[in-house]
């Protein structure tokens, strides 16, 4: 994973990467705010995303770049990319075509609810 010349050096300087050079990318549906998935980006994946308008990630299992929807047709058209205040996470707002999850569901966060929605707690 190398730092491409196309990533703005000011942006690259703000990124706080994991030991393997990655930053978490939280993906959210434009307009609704629905959280769709979590992906990983290095400098090159972020540069590609910013340049092409197509969400590009680093696959930790395949050790390769992948453009979301390139083979499945379930594309992510990037509307906005934000960097959090600490520089260790990205928020990628997209228009999602079809399911976002590799399991075929709309979101990767629809199955295992660990704490169901609670009524407002007083106190």
PDB file of N, CA and C in Angstrom:
ATOM      1  N   UNK A   1       0.840  -1.168   0.000  1.00  0.00           N
ATOM      2  CA  UNK A   1       0.000   0.000   0.000  1.00  0.00           C
ATOM      3  C   UNK A   1       0.887   1.232   0.000  1.00  0.00           C
ATOM      4  N   UNK A   2       0.793   2.002  -1.042  1.00  0.00           N
ATOM      5  CA  UNK A   2       1.629   3.176  -1.163  1.00  0.00           C
ATOM      6  C   UNK A   2       0.779   4.434  -1.201  1.00  0.00           C
ATOM      7  N   UNK A   3       1.404   5.543  -0.876  1.00  0.00           N
ATOM      8  CA  UNK A   3       0.708   6.816  -0.909  1.00  0.00           C
ATOM      9  C   UNK A   3       0.808   7.395  -2.314  1.00  0.00           C
ATOM     10  N   UNK A   4      -0.322   7.500  -3.017  1.00  0.00           N
ATOM     11  CA  UNK A   4      -0.267   8.027  -4.370  1.00  0.00           C
ATOM     12  C   UNK A   4      -0.119   9.545  -4.352  1.00  0.00           C
ATOM     13  N   UNK A   5       0.446  10.087  -5.403  1.00  0.00           N
ATOM     14  CA  UNK A   5       0.623  11.530  -5.509  1.00  0.00           C
ATOM     15  C   UNK A   5      -0.721  12.245  -5.577  1.00  0.00           C
ATOM     16  N   UNK A   6      -1.778  11.521  -5.990  1.00  0.00           N
ATOM     17  CA  UNK A   6      -3.063  12.175  -6.184  1.00  0.00           C
ATOM     18  C   UNK A   6      -3.817  12.474  -4.887  1.00  0.00           C
ATOM     19  N   UNK A   7      -3.436  11.849  -3.775  1.00  0.00           N
ATOM     20  CA  UNK A   7      -4.096  12.176  -2.515  1.00  0.00           C
ATOM     21  C   UNK A   7      -3.493  13.469  -1.983  1.00  0.00           C
ATOM     22  N   UNK A   8      -4.337  14.420  -1.696  1.00  0.00           N
ATOM     23  CA  UNK A   8      -3.889  15.714  -1.182  1.00  0.00           C
ATOM     24  C   UNK A   8      -3.008  15.485   0.048  1.00  0.00           C
ATOM     25  N   UNK A   9      -1.781  15.992   0.044  1.00  0.00           N
ATOM     26  CA  UNK A   9      -0.877  15.789   1.179  1.00  0.00           C
ATOM     27  C   UNK A   9      -1.444  16.309   2.506  1.00  0.00           C
ATOM     28  N   UNK A  10      -2.255  17.344   2.447  1.00  0.00           N
ATOM     29  CA  UNK A  10      -2.861  17.867   3.674  1.00  0.00           C
ATOM     30  C   UNK A  10      -3.850  16.859   4.254  1.00  0.00           C
ATOM     31  N   UNK A  11      -4.572  16.145   3.390  1.00  0.00           N
ATOM     32  CA  UNK A  11      -5.499  15.105   3.838  1.00  0.00           C
ATOM     33  C   UNK A  11      -4.695  13.920   4.370  1.00  0.00           C
ATOM     34  N   UNK A  12      -3.689  13.497   3.621  1.00  0.00           N
ATOM     35  CA  UNK A  12      -2.854  12.367   4.043  1.00  0.00           C
ATOM     36  C   UNK A  12      -2.227  12.625   5.412  1.00  0.00           C
ATOM     37  N   UNK A  13      -1.831  13.857   5.665  1.00  0.00           N
ATOM     38  CA  UNK A  13      -1.200  14.200   6.938  1.00  0.00           C
ATOM     39  C   UNK A  13      -2.178  14.103   8.106  1.00  0.00           C
ATOM     40  N   UNK A  14      -3.455  14.263   7.846  1.00  0.00           N
ATOM     41  CA  UNK A  14      -4.466  14.207   8.908  1.00  0.00           C
ATOM     42  C   UNK A  14      -4.930  12.795   9.233  1.00  0.00           C
ATOM     43  N   UNK A  15      -4.675  11.845   8.338  1.00  0.00           N
ATOM     44  CA  UNK A  15      -5.135  10.474   8.554  1.00  0.00           C
ATOM     45  C   UNK A  15      -4.336   9.787   9.656  1.00  0.00           C
ATOM     46  N   UNK A  16      -5.043   9.148  10.555  1.00  0.00           N
ATOM     47  CA  UNK A  16      -4.418   8.305  11.578  1.00  0.00           C
ATOM     48  C   UNK A  16      -4.775   6.877  11.221  1.00  0.00           C
ATOM     49  N   UNK A  17      -3.804   6.178  10.685  1.00  0.00           N
ATOM     50  CA  UNK A  17      -4.021   4.841  10.158  1.00  0.00           C
ATOM     51  C   UNK A  17      -3.762   3.769  11.216  1.00  0.00           C
ATOM     52  N   UNK A  18      -4.365   2.606  11.015  1.00  0.00           N
ATOM     53  CA  UNK A  18      -4.095   1.446  11.859  1.00  0.00           C
ATOM     54  C   UNK A  18      -2.683   0.955  11.551  1.00  0.00           C
ATOM     55  N   UNK A  19      -2.231  -0.042  12.286  1.00  0.00           N
ATOM     56  CA  UNK A  19      -0.887  -0.593  12.079  1.00  0.00           C
ATOM     57  C   UNK A  19      -0.690  -1.099  10.651  1.00  0.00           C
ATOM     58  N   UNK A  20      -1.781  -1.527   9.997  1.00  0.00           N
ATOM     59  CA  UNK A  20      -1.661  -2.014   8.621  1.00  0.00           C
ATOM     60  C   UNK A  20      -1.960  -0.925   7.585  1.00  0.00           C
ATOM     61  N   UNK A  21      -1.985   0.339   8.027  1.00  0.00           N
ATOM     62  CA  UNK A  21      -2.116   1.460   7.103  1.00  0.00           C
ATOM     63  C   UNK A  21      -3.518   1.791   6.662  1.00  0.00           C
ATOM     64  N   UNK A  22      -4.518   1.324   7.398  1.00  0.00           N
ATOM     65  CA  UNK A  22      -5.907   1.497   6.983  1.00  0.00           C
ATOM     66  C   UNK A  22      -6.683   2.447   7.884  1.00  0.00           C
ATOM     67  N   UNK A  23      -7.739   3.020   7.315  1.00  0.00           N
ATOM     68  CA  UNK A  23      -8.676   3.874   8.040  1.00  0.00           C
ATOM     69  C   UNK A  23     -10.069   3.285   7.824  1.00  0.00           C
ATOM     70  N   UNK A  24     -10.859   3.211   8.894  1.00  0.00           N
ATOM     71  CA  UNK A  24     -12.230   2.713   8.791  1.00  0.00           C
ATOM     72  C   UNK A  24     -13.077   3.701   8.002  1.00  0.00           C
ATOM     73  N   UNK A  25     -13.895   3.163   7.093  1.00  0.00           N
ATOM     74  CA  UNK A  25     -14.804   3.977   6.289  1.00  0.00           C
ATOM     75  C   UNK A  25     -16.232   3.519   6.573  1.00  0.00           C
ATOM     76  N   UNK A  26     -16.959   4.337   7.302  1.00  0.00           N
ATOM     77  CA  UNK A  26     -18.356   4.062   7.607  1.00  0.00           C
ATOM     78  C   UNK A  26     -19.180   4.560   6.430  1.00  0.00           C
ATOM     79  N   UNK A  27     -20.024   3.697   5.886  1.00  0.00           N
ATOM     80  CA  UNK A  27     -20.773   4.039   4.678  1.00  0.00           C
ATOM     81  C   UNK A  27     -22.239   4.231   5.038  1.00  0.00           C
ATOM     82  N   UNK A  28     -22.770   5.371   4.604  1.00  0.00           N
ATOM     83  CA  UNK A  28     -24.117   5.785   4.972  1.00  0.00           C
ATOM     84  C   UNK A  28     -24.903   6.159   3.712  1.00  0.00           C
ATOM     85  N   UNK A  29     -26.183   5.809   3.674  1.00  0.00           N
ATOM     86  CA  UNK A  29     -27.046   6.154   2.545  1.00  0.00           C
ATOM     87  C   UNK A  29     -27.353   7.645   2.558  1.00  0.00           C
ATOM     88  N   UNK A  30     -27.117   8.284   1.434  1.00  0.00           N
ATOM     89  CA  UNK A  30     -27.444   9.705   1.290  1.00  0.00           C
ATOM     90  C   UNK A  30     -28.949   9.906   1.445  1.00  0.00           C
ATOM     91  N   UNK A  31     -29.329  10.932   2.148  1.00  0.00           N
ATOM     92  CA  UNK A  31     -30.742  11.273   2.300  1.00  0.00           C
ATOM     93  C   UNK A  31     -31.413  10.642   3.500  1.00  0.00           C
ATOM     94  N   UNK A  32     -31.142   9.360   3.770  1.00  0.00           N
ATOM     95  CA  UNK A  32     -31.815   8.692   4.889  1.00  0.00           C
ATOM     96  C   UNK A  32     -30.916   8.557   6.112  1.00  0.00           C
ATOM     97  N   UNK A  33     -29.611   8.566   5.920  1.00  0.00           N
ATOM     98  CA  UNK A  33     -28.688   8.384   7.040  1.00  0.00           C
ATOM     99  C   UNK A  33     -28.518   6.934   7.451  1.00  0.00           C
ATOM    100  N   UNK A  34     -29.150   6.008   6.728  1.00  0.00           N
ATOM    101  CA  UNK A  34     -29.029   4.590   7.063  1.00  0.00           C
ATOM    102  C   UNK A  34     -27.570   4.143   6.951  1.00  0.00           C
ATOM    103  N   UNK A  35     -27.060   3.485   7.999  1.00  0.00           N
ATOM    104  CA  UNK A  35     -25.698   2.969   7.963  1.00  0.00           C
ATOM    105  C   UNK A  35     -25.709   1.659   7.187  1.00  0.00           C
ATOM    106  N   UNK A  36     -24.909   1.601   6.124  1.00  0.00           N
ATOM    107  CA  UNK A  36     -24.934   0.453   5.223  1.00  0.00           C
ATOM    108  C   UNK A  36     -23.846  -0.571   5.515  1.00  0.00           C
ATOM    109  N   UNK A  37     -22.631  -0.102   5.762  1.00  0.00           N
ATOM    110  CA  UNK A  37     -21.519  -1.038   5.911  1.00  0.00           C
ATOM    111  C   UNK A  37     -20.298  -0.323   6.478  1.00  0.00           C
ATOM    112  N   UNK A  38     -19.283  -1.107   6.764  1.00  0.00           N
ATOM    113  CA  UNK A  38     -17.976  -0.604   7.147  1.00  0.00           C
ATOM    114  C   UNK A  38     -16.968  -1.201   6.181  1.00  0.00           C
ATOM    115  N   UNK A  39     -16.155  -0.350   5.600  1.00  0.00           N
ATOM    116  CA  UNK A  39     -15.085  -0.799   4.726  1.00  0.00           C
ATOM    117  C   UNK A  39     -13.772  -0.221   5.219  1.00  0.00           C
ATOM    118  N   UNK A  40     -12.696  -0.575   4.545  1.00  0.00           N
ATOM    119  CA  UNK A  40     -11.362  -0.091   4.930  1.00  0.00           C
ATOM    120  C   UNK A  40     -10.723   0.586   3.743  1.00  0.00           C
ATOM    121  N   UNK A  41     -10.073   1.714   3.989  1.00  0.00           N
ATOM    122  CA  UNK A  41      -9.367   2.440   2.939  1.00  0.00           C
ATOM    123  C   UNK A  41      -7.941   2.746   3.379  1.00  0.00           C
ATOM    124  N   UNK A  42      -7.042   2.665   2.424  1.00  0.00           N
ATOM    125  CA  UNK A  42      -5.709   3.218   2.620  1.00  0.00           C
ATOM    126  C   UNK A  42      -5.663   4.498   1.787  1.00  0.00           C
ATOM    127  N   UNK A  43      -4.510   5.117   1.698  1.00  0.00           N
ATOM    128  CA  UNK A  43      -4.405   6.381   0.968  1.00  0.00           C
ATOM    129  C   UNK A  43      -4.835   6.238  -0.487  1.00  0.00           C
ATOM    130  N   UNK A  44      -4.426   5.153  -1.121  1.00  0.00           N
ATOM    131  CA  UNK A  44      -4.761   4.965  -2.536  1.00  0.00           C
ATOM    132  C   UNK A  44      -6.260   4.742  -2.728  1.00  0.00           C
ATOM    133  N   UNK A  45      -6.880   3.951  -1.882  1.00  0.00           N
ATOM    134  CA  UNK A  45      -8.322   3.715  -1.995  1.00  0.00           C
ATOM    135  C   UNK A  45      -9.088   5.018  -1.795  1.00  0.00           C
ATOM    136  N   UNK A  46      -8.646   5.831  -0.837  1.00  0.00           N
ATOM    137  CA  UNK A  46      -9.302   7.118  -0.610  1.00  0.00           C
ATOM    138  C   UNK A  46      -9.101   8.031  -1.818  1.00  0.00           C
ATOM    139  N   UNK A  47      -7.891   8.080  -2.346  1.00  0.00           N
ATOM    140  CA  UNK A  47      -7.630   8.906  -3.529  1.00  0.00           C
ATOM    141  C   UNK A  47      -8.493   8.467  -4.700  1.00  0.00           C
ATOM    142  N   UNK A  48      -8.604   7.165  -4.911  1.00  0.00           N
ATOM    143  CA  UNK A  48      -9.438   6.649  -6.012  1.00  0.00           C
ATOM    144  C   UNK A  48     -10.893   7.037  -5.800  1.00  0.00           C
ATOM    145  N   UNK A  49     -11.369   6.916  -4.559  1.00  0.00           N
ATOM    146  CA  UNK A  49     -12.754   7.270  -4.232  1.00  0.00           C
ATOM    147  C   UNK A  49     -13.018   8.742  -4.518  1.00  0.00           C
ATOM    148  N   UNK A  50     -12.112   9.602  -4.073  1.00  0.00           N
ATOM    149  CA  UNK A  50     -12.279  11.044  -4.263  1.00  0.00           C
ATOM    150  C   UNK A  50     -12.184  11.436  -5.731  1.00  0.00           C
ATOM    151  N   UNK A  51     -11.367  10.723  -6.481  1.00  0.00           N
ATOM    152  CA  UNK A  51     -11.149  11.044  -7.890  1.00  0.00           C
ATOM    153  C   UNK A  51     -12.263  10.540  -8.791  1.00  0.00           C
ATOM    154  N   UNK A  52     -12.733   9.317  -8.531  1.00  0.00           N
ATOM    155  CA  UNK A  52     -13.697   8.686  -9.442  1.00  0.00           C
ATOM    156  C   UNK A  52     -15.150   8.858  -9.037  1.00  0.00           C
ATOM    157  N   UNK A  53     -15.403   9.135  -7.744  1.00  0.00           N
ATOM    158  CA  UNK A  53     -16.784   9.191  -7.274  1.00  0.00           C
ATOM    159  C   UNK A  53     -17.393   7.817  -7.070  1.00  0.00           C
ATOM    160  N   UNK A  54     -16.592   6.778  -7.158  1.00  0.00           N
ATOM    161  CA  UNK A  54     -17.012   5.396  -6.903  1.00  0.00           C
ATOM    162  C   UNK A  54     -16.288   4.921  -5.653  1.00  0.00           C
ATOM    163  N   UNK A  55     -17.019   4.323  -4.731  1.00  0.00           N
ATOM    164  CA  UNK A  55     -16.427   3.861  -3.476  1.00  0.00           C
ATOM    165  C   UNK A  55     -15.436   2.736  -3.748  1.00  0.00           C
ATOM    166  N   UNK A  56     -14.192   2.957  -3.338  1.00  0.00           N
ATOM    167  CA  UNK A  56     -13.110   1.994  -3.536  1.00  0.00           C
ATOM    168  C   UNK A  56     -12.516   1.655  -2.182  1.00  0.00           C
ATOM    169  N   UNK A  57     -12.344   0.372  -1.913  1.00  0.00           N
ATOM    170  CA  UNK A  57     -11.882  -0.094  -0.605  1.00  0.00           C
ATOM    171  C   UNK A  57     -10.664  -0.990  -0.764  1.00  0.00           C
ATOM    172  N   UNK A  58     -10.000  -1.240   0.356  1.00  0.00           N
ATOM    173  CA  UNK A  58      -8.919  -2.223   0.421  1.00  0.00           C
ATOM    174  C   UNK A  58      -9.506  -3.464   1.070  1.00  0.00           C
ATOM    175  N   UNK A  59      -9.470  -4.582   0.382  1.00  0.00           N
ATOM    176  CA  UNK A  59      -9.960  -5.837   0.925  1.00  0.00           C
ATOM    177  C   UNK A  59      -8.860  -6.481   1.754  1.00  0.00           C
ATOM    178  N   UNK A  60      -9.086  -6.617   3.040  1.00  0.00           N
ATOM    179  CA  UNK A  60      -8.092  -7.229   3.907  1.00  0.00           C
ATOM    180  C   UNK A  60      -7.966  -8.721   3.622  1.00  0.00           C
ATOM    181  N   UNK A  61      -9.052  -9.377   3.233  1.00  0.00           N
ATOM    182  CA  UNK A  61      -8.991 -10.819   2.964  1.00  0.00           C
ATOM    183  C   UNK A  61      -8.316 -11.126   1.635  1.00  0.00           C
ATOM    184  N   UNK A  62      -8.577 -10.318   0.613  1.00  0.00           N
ATOM    185  CA  UNK A  62      -7.993 -10.559  -0.704  1.00  0.00           C
ATOM    186  C   UNK A  62      -6.679  -9.802  -0.930  1.00  0.00           C
ATOM    187  N   UNK A  63      -6.408  -8.856  -0.022  1.00  0.00           N
ATOM    188  CA  UNK A  63      -5.215  -8.012  -0.177  1.00  0.00           C
ATOM    189  C   UNK A  63      -5.199  -7.338  -1.543  1.00  0.00           C
ATOM    190  N   UNK A  64      -6.330  -6.719  -1.873  1.00  0.00           N
ATOM    191  CA  UNK A  64      -6.472  -6.060  -3.170  1.00  0.00           C
ATOM    192  C   UNK A  64      -7.520  -4.960  -3.074  1.00  0.00           C
ATOM    193  N   UNK A  65      -7.485  -4.020  -4.020  1.00  0.00           N
ATOM    194  CA  UNK A  65      -8.499  -2.967  -4.091  1.00  0.00           C
ATOM    195  C   UNK A  65      -9.755  -3.522  -4.741  1.00  0.00           C
ATOM    196  N   UNK A  66     -10.895  -3.011  -4.298  1.00  0.00           N
ATOM    197  CA  UNK A  66     -12.143  -3.368  -4.967  1.00  0.00           C
ATOM    198  C   UNK A  66     -13.065  -2.160  -5.001  1.00  0.00           C
ATOM    199  N   UNK A  67     -13.678  -1.976  -6.143  1.00  0.00           N
ATOM    200  CA  UNK A  67     -14.661  -0.922  -6.326  1.00  0.00           C
ATOM    201  C   UNK A  67     -16.015  -1.549  -6.037  1.00  0.00           C
ATOM    202  N   UNK A  68     -16.729  -1.004  -5.069  1.00  0.00           N
ATOM    203  CA  UNK A  68     -18.014  -1.582  -4.669  1.00  0.00           C
ATOM    204  C   UNK A  68     -18.948  -1.654  -5.874  1.00  0.00           C
ATOM    205  N   UNK A  69     -19.427  -2.860  -6.155  1.00  0.00           N
ATOM    206  CA  UNK A  69     -20.369  -3.089  -7.240  1.00  0.00           C
ATOM    207  C   UNK A  69     -19.741  -3.417  -8.572  1.00  0.00           C
ATOM    208  N   UNK A  70     -18.422  -3.467  -8.630  1.00  0.00           N
ATOM    209  CA  UNK A  70     -17.740  -3.736  -9.892  1.00  0.00           C
ATOM    210  C   UNK A  70     -18.146  -5.084 -10.491  1.00  0.00           C
ATOM    211  N   UNK A  71     -18.325  -6.089  -9.632  1.00  0.00           N
ATOM    212  CA  UNK A  71     -18.753  -7.400 -10.141  1.00  0.00           C
ATOM    213  C   UNK A  71     -20.223  -7.682  -9.838  1.00  0.00           C
ATOM    214  N   UNK A  72     -20.733  -7.191  -8.717  1.00  0.00           N
ATOM    215  CA  UNK A  72     -22.114  -7.487  -8.318  1.00  0.00           C
ATOM    216  C   UNK A  72     -23.136  -6.559  -8.962  1.00  0.00           C
ATOM    217  N   UNK A  73     -22.701  -5.367  -9.375  1.00  0.00           N
ATOM    218  CA  UNK A  73     -23.639  -4.369  -9.886  1.00  0.00           C
ATOM    219  C   UNK A  73     -24.248  -3.519  -8.786  1.00  0.00           C
ATOM    220  N   UNK A  74     -23.924  -3.807  -7.540  1.00  0.00           N
ATOM    221  CA  UNK A  74     -24.456  -3.058  -6.390  1.00  0.00           C
ATOM    222  C   UNK A  74     -23.527  -1.894  -6.076  1.00  0.00           C
ATOM    223  N   UNK A  75     -23.551  -0.912  -6.957  1.00  0.00           N
ATOM    224  CA  UNK A  75     -22.609   0.198  -6.919  1.00  0.00           C
ATOM    225  C   UNK A  75     -22.908   1.195  -5.802  1.00  0.00           C
ATOM    226  N   UNK A  76     -21.859   1.883  -5.419  1.00  0.00           N
ATOM    227  CA  UNK A  76     -21.982   3.002  -4.480  1.00  0.00           C
ATOM    228  C   UNK A  76     -21.475   4.250  -5.199  1.00  0.00           C
ATOM    229  N   UNK A  77     -22.368   5.196  -5.385  1.00  0.00           N
ATOM    230  CA  UNK A  77     -22.027   6.474  -5.998  1.00  0.00           C
ATOM    231  C   UNK A  77     -21.795   7.458  -4.870  1.00  0.00           C
ATOM    232  N   UNK A  78     -20.585   7.923  -4.737  1.00  0.00           N
ATOM    233  CA  UNK A  78     -20.186   8.749  -3.606  1.00  0.00           C
ATOM    234  C   UNK A  78     -20.745  10.162  -3.737  1.00  0.00           C
ATOM    235  N   UNK A  79     -21.421  10.600  -2.707  1.00  0.00           N
ATOM    236  CA  UNK A  79     -21.971  11.957  -2.643  1.00  0.00           C
ATOM    237  C   UNK A  79     -21.095  12.880  -1.805  1.00  0.00           C
ATOM    238  N   UNK A  80     -20.490  12.312  -0.736  1.00  0.00           N
ATOM    239  CA  UNK A  80     -19.684  13.136   0.166  1.00  0.00           C
ATOM    240  C   UNK A  80     -18.757  12.236   0.963  1.00  0.00           C
ATOM    241  N   UNK A  81     -17.574  12.746   1.289  1.00  0.00           N
ATOM    242  CA  UNK A  81     -16.638  12.045   2.163  1.00  0.00           C
ATOM    243  C   UNK A  81     -16.207  13.022   3.243  1.00  0.00           C
ATOM    244  N   UNK A  82     -16.328  12.587   4.493  1.00  0.00           N
ATOM    245  CA  UNK A  82     -15.916  13.418   5.630  1.00  0.00           C
ATOM    246  C   UNK A  82     -14.879  12.674   6.448  1.00  0.00           C
ATOM    247  N   UNK A  83     -13.989  13.424   7.042  1.00  0.00           N
ATOM    248  CA  UNK A  83     -12.973  12.891   7.942  1.00  0.00           C
ATOM    249  C   UNK A  83     -13.372  13.285   9.351  1.00  0.00           C
ATOM    250  N   UNK A  84     -13.350  12.334  10.290  1.00  0.00           N
ATOM    251  CA  UNK A  84     -13.754  12.670  11.660  1.00  0.00           C
ATOM    252  C   UNK A  84     -12.695  13.530  12.335  1.00  0.00           C
ATOM    253  N   UNK A  85     -13.056  14.066  13.504  1.00  0.00           N
ATOM    254  CA  UNK A  85     -12.210  15.037  14.200  1.00  0.00           C
ATOM    255  C   UNK A  85     -10.852  14.471  14.594  1.00  0.00           C
ATOM    256  N   UNK A  86     -10.756  13.167  14.804  1.00  0.00           N
ATOM    257  CA  UNK A  86      -9.486  12.537  15.191  1.00  0.00           C
ATOM    258  C   UNK A  86      -8.669  12.062  13.996  1.00  0.00           C
ATOM    259  N   UNK A  87      -9.274  12.028  12.826  1.00  0.00           N
ATOM    260  CA  UNK A  87      -8.581  11.581  11.626  1.00  0.00           C
ATOM    261  C   UNK A  87      -8.477  10.080  11.491  1.00  0.00           C
ATOM    262  N   UNK A  88      -9.222   9.336  12.343  1.00  0.00           N
ATOM    263  CA  UNK A  88      -9.093   7.880  12.290  1.00  0.00           C
ATOM    264  C   UNK A  88     -10.313   7.166  11.708  1.00  0.00           C
ATOM    265  N   UNK A  89     -11.249   7.931  11.160  1.00  0.00           N
ATOM    266  CA  UNK A  89     -12.415   7.322  10.517  1.00  0.00           C
ATOM    267  C   UNK A  89     -12.950   8.256   9.440  1.00  0.00           C
ATOM    268  N   UNK A  90     -13.503   7.648   8.403  1.00  0.00           N
ATOM    269  CA  UNK A  90     -14.134   8.384   7.313  1.00  0.00           C
ATOM    270  C   UNK A  90     -15.625   8.097   7.325  1.00  0.00           C
ATOM    271  N   UNK A  91     -16.415   9.071   6.931  1.00  0.00           N
ATOM    272  CA  UNK A  91     -17.843   8.881   6.715  1.00  0.00           C
ATOM    273  C   UNK A  91     -18.078   9.097   5.230  1.00  0.00           C
ATOM    274  N   UNK A  92     -18.504   8.035   4.560  1.00  0.00           N
ATOM    275  CA  UNK A  92     -18.713   8.066   3.114  1.00  0.00           C
ATOM    276  C   UNK A  92     -20.221   8.005   2.876  1.00  0.00           C
ATOM    277  N   UNK A  93     -20.777   9.086   2.351  1.00  0.00           N
ATOM    278  CA  UNK A  93     -22.197   9.143   2.049  1.00  0.00           C
ATOM    279  C   UNK A  93     -22.383   8.782   0.587  1.00  0.00           C
ATOM    280  N   UNK A  94     -23.266   7.813   0.321  1.00  0.00           N
ATOM    281  CA  UNK A  94     -23.414   7.265  -1.028  1.00  0.00           C
ATOM    282  C   UNK A  94     -24.872   7.159  -1.445  1.00  0.00           C
ATOM    283  N   UNK A  95     -25.063   7.012  -2.743  1.00  0.00           N
ATOM    284  CA  UNK A  95     -26.318   6.516  -3.293  1.00  0.00           C
ATOM    285  C   UNK A  95     -26.035   5.059  -3.611  1.00  0.00           C
ATOM    286  N   UNK A  96     -26.676   4.163  -2.885  1.00  0.00           N
ATOM    287  CA  UNK A  96     -26.447   2.727  -3.010  1.00  0.00           C
ATOM    288  C   UNK A  96     -27.402   2.134  -4.030  1.00  0.00           C
ATOM    289  N   UNK A  97     -26.866   1.359  -4.962  1.00  0.00           N
ATOM    290  CA  UNK A  97     -27.681   0.580  -5.903  1.00  0.00           C
ATOM    291  C   UNK A  97     -27.742  -0.842  -5.394  1.00  0.00           C
ATOM    292  N   UNK A  98     -28.930  -1.321  -5.063  1.00  0.00           N
ATOM    293  CA  UNK A  98     -29.078  -2.687  -4.570  1.00  0.00           C
ATOM    294  C   UNK A  98     -28.539  -2.834  -3.163  1.00  0.00           C
ATOM    295  N   UNK A  99     -28.350  -4.091  -2.725  1.00  0.00           N
ATOM    296  CA  UNK A  99     -27.879  -4.333  -1.364  1.00  0.00           C
ATOM    297  C   UNK A  99     -26.426  -3.890  -1.180  1.00  0.00           C
ATOM    298  N   UNK A 100     -26.110  -3.435   0.023  1.00  0.00           N
ATOM    299  CA  UNK A 100     -24.736  -3.036   0.344  1.00  0.00           C
ATOM    300  C   UNK A 100     -23.940  -4.209   0.894  1.00  0.00           C
ATOM    301  N   UNK A 101     -24.608  -5.138   1.558  1.00  0.00           N
ATOM    302  CA  UNK A 101     -23.921  -6.236   2.228  1.00  0.00           C
ATOM    303  C   UNK A 101     -23.644  -7.392   1.261  1.00  0.00           C
ATOM    304  N   UNK A 102     -22.505  -8.040   1.439  1.00  0.00           N
ATOM    305  CA  UNK A 102     -22.150  -9.182   0.595  1.00  0.00           C
ATOM    306  C   UNK A 102     -23.094 -10.365   0.788  1.00  0.00           C
ATOM    307  N   UNK A 103     -23.895 -10.340   1.868  1.00  0.00           N
ATOM    308  CA  UNK A 103     -24.860 -11.414   2.098  1.00  0.00           C
ATOM    309  C   UNK A 103     -26.146 -11.213   1.297  1.00  0.00           C
ATOM    310  N   UNK A 104     -26.257 -10.041   0.639  1.00  0.00           N
ATOM    311  CA  UNK A 104     -27.445  -9.758  -0.161  1.00  0.00           C
ATOM    312  C   UNK A 104     -28.484  -8.918   0.554  1.00  0.00           C
ATOM    313  N   UNK A 105     -28.202  -8.489   1.768  1.00  0.00           N
ATOM    314  CA  UNK A 105     -29.147  -7.636   2.499  1.00  0.00           C
ATOM    315  C   UNK A 105     -28.807  -6.164   2.277  1.00  0.00           C
ATOM    316  N   UNK A 106     -29.763  -5.325   2.533  1.00  0.00           N
ATOM    317  CA  UNK A 106     -29.611  -3.881   2.303  1.00  0.00           C
ATOM    318  C   UNK A 106     -28.431  -3.303   3.084  1.00  0.00           C
ATOM    319  N   UNK A 107     -28.302  -3.712   4.337  1.00  0.00           N
ATOM    320  CA  UNK A 107     -27.258  -3.198   5.210  1.00  0.00           C
ATOM    321  C   UNK A 107     -26.561  -4.347   5.922  1.00  0.00           C
ATOM    322  N   UNK A 108     -25.345  -4.130   6.316  1.00  0.00           N
ATOM    323  CA  UNK A 108     -24.602  -5.150   7.072  1.00  0.00           C
ATOM    324  C   UNK A 108     -25.004  -5.154   8.546  1.00  0.00           C
ATOM    325  N   UNK A 109     -25.856  -4.217   8.943  1.00  0.00           N
ATOM    326  CA  UNK A 109     -26.208  -4.071  10.356  1.00  0.00           C
ATOM    327  C   UNK A 109     -27.672  -4.395  10.637  1.00  0.00           C
ATOM    328  N   UNK A 110     -28.221  -5.378   9.944  1.00  0.00           N
ATOM    329  CA  UNK A 110     -29.639  -5.680  10.145  1.00  0.00           C
ATOM    330  C   UNK A 110     -29.904  -6.999  10.860  1.00  0.00           C
ATOM    331  N   UNK A 111     -28.869  -7.748  11.227  1.00  0.00           N
ATOM    332  CA  UNK A 111     -29.089  -9.089  11.776  1.00  0.00           C
ATOM    333  C   UNK A 111     -28.909  -9.165  13.284  1.00  0.00           C
ATOM    334  N   UNK A 112     -27.737  -8.950  13.775  1.00  0.00           N
ATOM    335  CA  UNK A 112     -27.417  -9.213  15.180  1.00  0.00           C
ATOM    336  C   UNK A 112     -27.583  -7.978  16.060  1.00  0.00           C
ATOM    337  N   UNK A 113     -28.790  -7.790  16.569  1.00  0.00           N
ATOM    338  CA  UNK A 113     -29.075  -6.667  17.451  1.00  0.00           C
ATOM    339  C   UNK A 113     -28.656  -7.062  18.864  1.00  0.00           C
ATOM    340  N   UNK A 114     -27.639  -6.407  19.393  1.00  0.00           N
ATOM    341  CA  UNK A 114     -27.116  -6.746  20.709  1.00  0.00           C
ATOM    342  C   UNK A 114     -27.857  -6.038  21.823  1.00  0.00           C
ATOM    343  N   UNK A 115     -28.372  -4.853  21.542  1.00  0.00           N
ATOM    344  CA  UNK A 115     -29.189  -4.111  22.493  1.00  0.00           C
ATOM    345  C   UNK A 115     -30.334  -3.493  21.725  1.00  0.00           C
ATOM    346  N   UNK A 116     -31.535  -4.044  21.877  1.00  0.00           N
ATOM    347  CA  UNK A 116     -32.691  -3.484  21.150  1.00  0.00           C
ATOM    348  C   UNK A 116     -32.915  -2.024  21.574  1.00  0.00           C
ATOM    349  N   UNK A 117     -33.580  -1.311  20.676  1.00  0.00           N
ATOM    350  CA  UNK A 117     -33.885   0.098  20.953  1.00  0.00           C
ATOM    351  C   UNK A 117     -34.598   0.214  22.299  1.00  0.00           C
ATOM    352  N   UNK A 118     -34.126   1.124  23.105  1.00  0.00           N
ATOM    353  CA  UNK A 118     -34.679   1.317  24.437  1.00  0.00           C
ATOM    354  C   UNK A 118     -35.533   2.575  24.480  1.00  0.00           C
ATOM    355  N   UNK A 119     -36.563   2.558  25.310  1.00  0.00           N
ATOM    356  CA  UNK A 119     -37.341   3.764  25.553  1.00  0.00           C
ATOM    357  C   UNK A 119     -36.443   4.745  26.291  1.00  0.00           C
ATOM    358  N   UNK A 120     -36.724   6.017  26.153  1.00  0.00           N
ATOM    359  CA  UNK A 120     -35.922   7.045  26.835  1.00  0.00           C
ATOM    360  C   UNK A 120     -35.872   6.749  28.323  1.00  0.00           C
ATOM    361  N   UNK A 121     -34.673   6.788  28.868  1.00  0.00           N
ATOM    362  CA  UNK A 121     -34.482   6.503  30.288  1.00  0.00           C
ATOM    363  C   UNK A 121     -34.426   7.795  31.075  1.00  0.00           C
ATOM    364  N   UNK A 122     -35.147   7.838  32.123  1.00  0.00           N
ATOM    365  CA  UNK A 122     -35.125   9.027  32.984  1.00  0.00           C
ATOM    366  C   UNK A 122     -33.916   8.999  33.900  1.00  0.00           C
ATOM    367  N   UNK A 123     -33.575  10.129  34.433  1.00  0.00           N
ATOM    368  CA  UNK A 123     -32.503  10.092  35.412  1.00  0.00           C
ATOM    369  C   UNK A 123     -31.598  11.152  35.215  1.00  0.00           C
TER     370      UNK A 123
END
